[in-house]
Amino acid sequence: MTAAIRQYLAEHPDHFDPRQYLKPARENMKKMYIHKIVNVLGSDGKLAQC
């Protein structure tokens, strides 16, 4: 998340609104969570099997 915020602020130094720089950071976190659930933990779709 921090890396995405740093990158956004480096590319847009005049933007200080958190709504602008947190959006790409949240998207990166979402992608990371999906990757971990599906590929690392292998728990994709396990809830439906209970």
C-alpha atoms as a PDB file:
ATOM      1  CA  MET A   1       0.000   0.000   0.000  1.00  0.00           C
ATOM      2  CA  THR A   2       2.776   2.395   0.906  1.00  0.00           C
ATOM      3  CA  ALA A   3       4.555   1.733  -2.374  1.00  0.00           C
ATOM      4  CA  ALA A   4       1.404   2.568  -4.345  1.00  0.00           C
ATOM      5  CA  ILE A   5       0.940   5.807  -2.405  1.00  0.00           C
ATOM      6  CA  ARG A   6       4.581   6.788  -2.927  1.00  0.00           C
ATOM      7  CA  GLN A   7       4.347   6.067  -6.635  1.00  0.00           C
ATOM      8  CA  TYR A   8       1.132   8.078  -7.009  1.00  0.00           C
ATOM      9  CA  LEU A   9       2.532  11.064  -5.108  1.00  0.00           C
ATOM     10  CA  ALA A  10       5.739  10.951  -7.161  1.00  0.00           C
ATOM     11  CA  GLU A  11       3.703  11.030 -10.369  1.00  0.00           C
ATOM     12  CA  HIS A  12       1.217  13.641  -9.083  1.00  0.00           C
ATOM     13  CA  PRO A  13       3.028  15.895  -6.576  1.00  0.00           C
ATOM     14  CA  ASP A  14       0.200  18.449  -6.640  1.00  0.00           C
ATOM     15  CA  HIS A  15      -2.479  15.988  -5.414  1.00  0.00           C
ATOM     16  CA  PHE A  16      -2.907  15.913  -1.651  1.00  0.00           C
ATOM     17  CA  ASP A  17      -6.483  14.630  -1.430  1.00  0.00           C
ATOM     18  CA  PRO A  18      -6.494  11.175   0.226  1.00  0.00           C
ATOM     19  CA  ARG A  19      -9.390  10.116  -2.003  1.00  0.00           C
ATOM     20  CA  GLN A  20      -7.063  10.446  -4.977  1.00  0.00           C
ATOM     21  CA  TYR A  21      -3.991   8.635  -3.687  1.00  0.00           C
ATOM     22  CA  LEU A  22      -5.749   5.970  -1.627  1.00  0.00           C
ATOM     23  CA  LYS A  23      -7.771   4.615  -4.551  1.00  0.00           C
ATOM     24  CA  PRO A  24      -4.779   3.029  -6.368  1.00  0.00           C
ATOM     25  CA  ALA A  25      -3.397   1.864  -3.014  1.00  0.00           C
ATOM     26  CA  ARG A  26      -6.653   0.075  -2.179  1.00  0.00           C
ATOM     27  CA  GLU A  27      -6.720  -1.517  -5.626  1.00  0.00           C
ATOM     28  CA  ASN A  28      -3.200  -2.880  -5.111  1.00  0.00           C
ATOM     29  CA  MET A  29      -4.181  -4.290  -1.716  1.00  0.00           C
ATOM     30  CA  LYS A  30      -7.265  -5.929  -3.248  1.00  0.00           C
ATOM     31  CA  LYS A  31      -5.127  -7.587  -5.938  1.00  0.00           C
ATOM     32  CA  MET A  32      -2.672  -8.825  -3.307  1.00  0.00           C
ATOM     33  CA  TYR A  33      -5.463 -10.294  -1.137  1.00  0.00           C
ATOM     34  CA  ILE A  34      -7.011 -12.084  -4.103  1.00  0.00           C
ATOM     35  CA  HIS A  35      -3.611 -13.486  -5.099  1.00  0.00           C
ATOM     36  CA  LYS A  36      -2.961 -14.758  -1.577  1.00  0.00           C
ATOM     37  CA  ILE A  37      -6.409 -16.310  -1.174  1.00  0.00           C
ATOM     38  CA  VAL A  38      -6.307 -18.094  -4.520  1.00  0.00           C
ATOM     39  CA  ASN A  39      -2.626 -18.927  -5.055  1.00  0.00           C
ATOM     40  CA  VAL A  40      -0.906 -18.913  -1.681  1.00  0.00           C
ATOM     41  CA  LEU A  41      -3.523 -20.215   0.729  1.00  0.00           C
ATOM     42  CA  GLY A  42      -5.390 -22.329  -1.793  1.00  0.00           C
ATOM     43  CA  SER A  43      -8.678 -21.491  -0.121  1.00  0.00           C
ATOM     44  CA  ASP A  44     -10.568 -20.214  -3.149  1.00  0.00           C
ATOM     45  CA  GLY A  45     -14.025 -21.784  -3.188  1.00  0.00           C
ATOM     46  CA  LYS A  46     -13.555 -23.734   0.044  1.00  0.00           C
ATOM     47  CA  LEU A  47     -16.491 -22.051   1.786  1.00  0.00           C
ATOM     48  CA  ALA A  48     -18.938 -23.532  -0.724  1.00  0.00           C
ATOM     49  CA  GLN A  49     -17.710 -27.052   0.136  1.00  0.00           C
ATOM     50  CA  CYS A  50     -18.560 -26.828   3.851  1.00  0.00           C
END
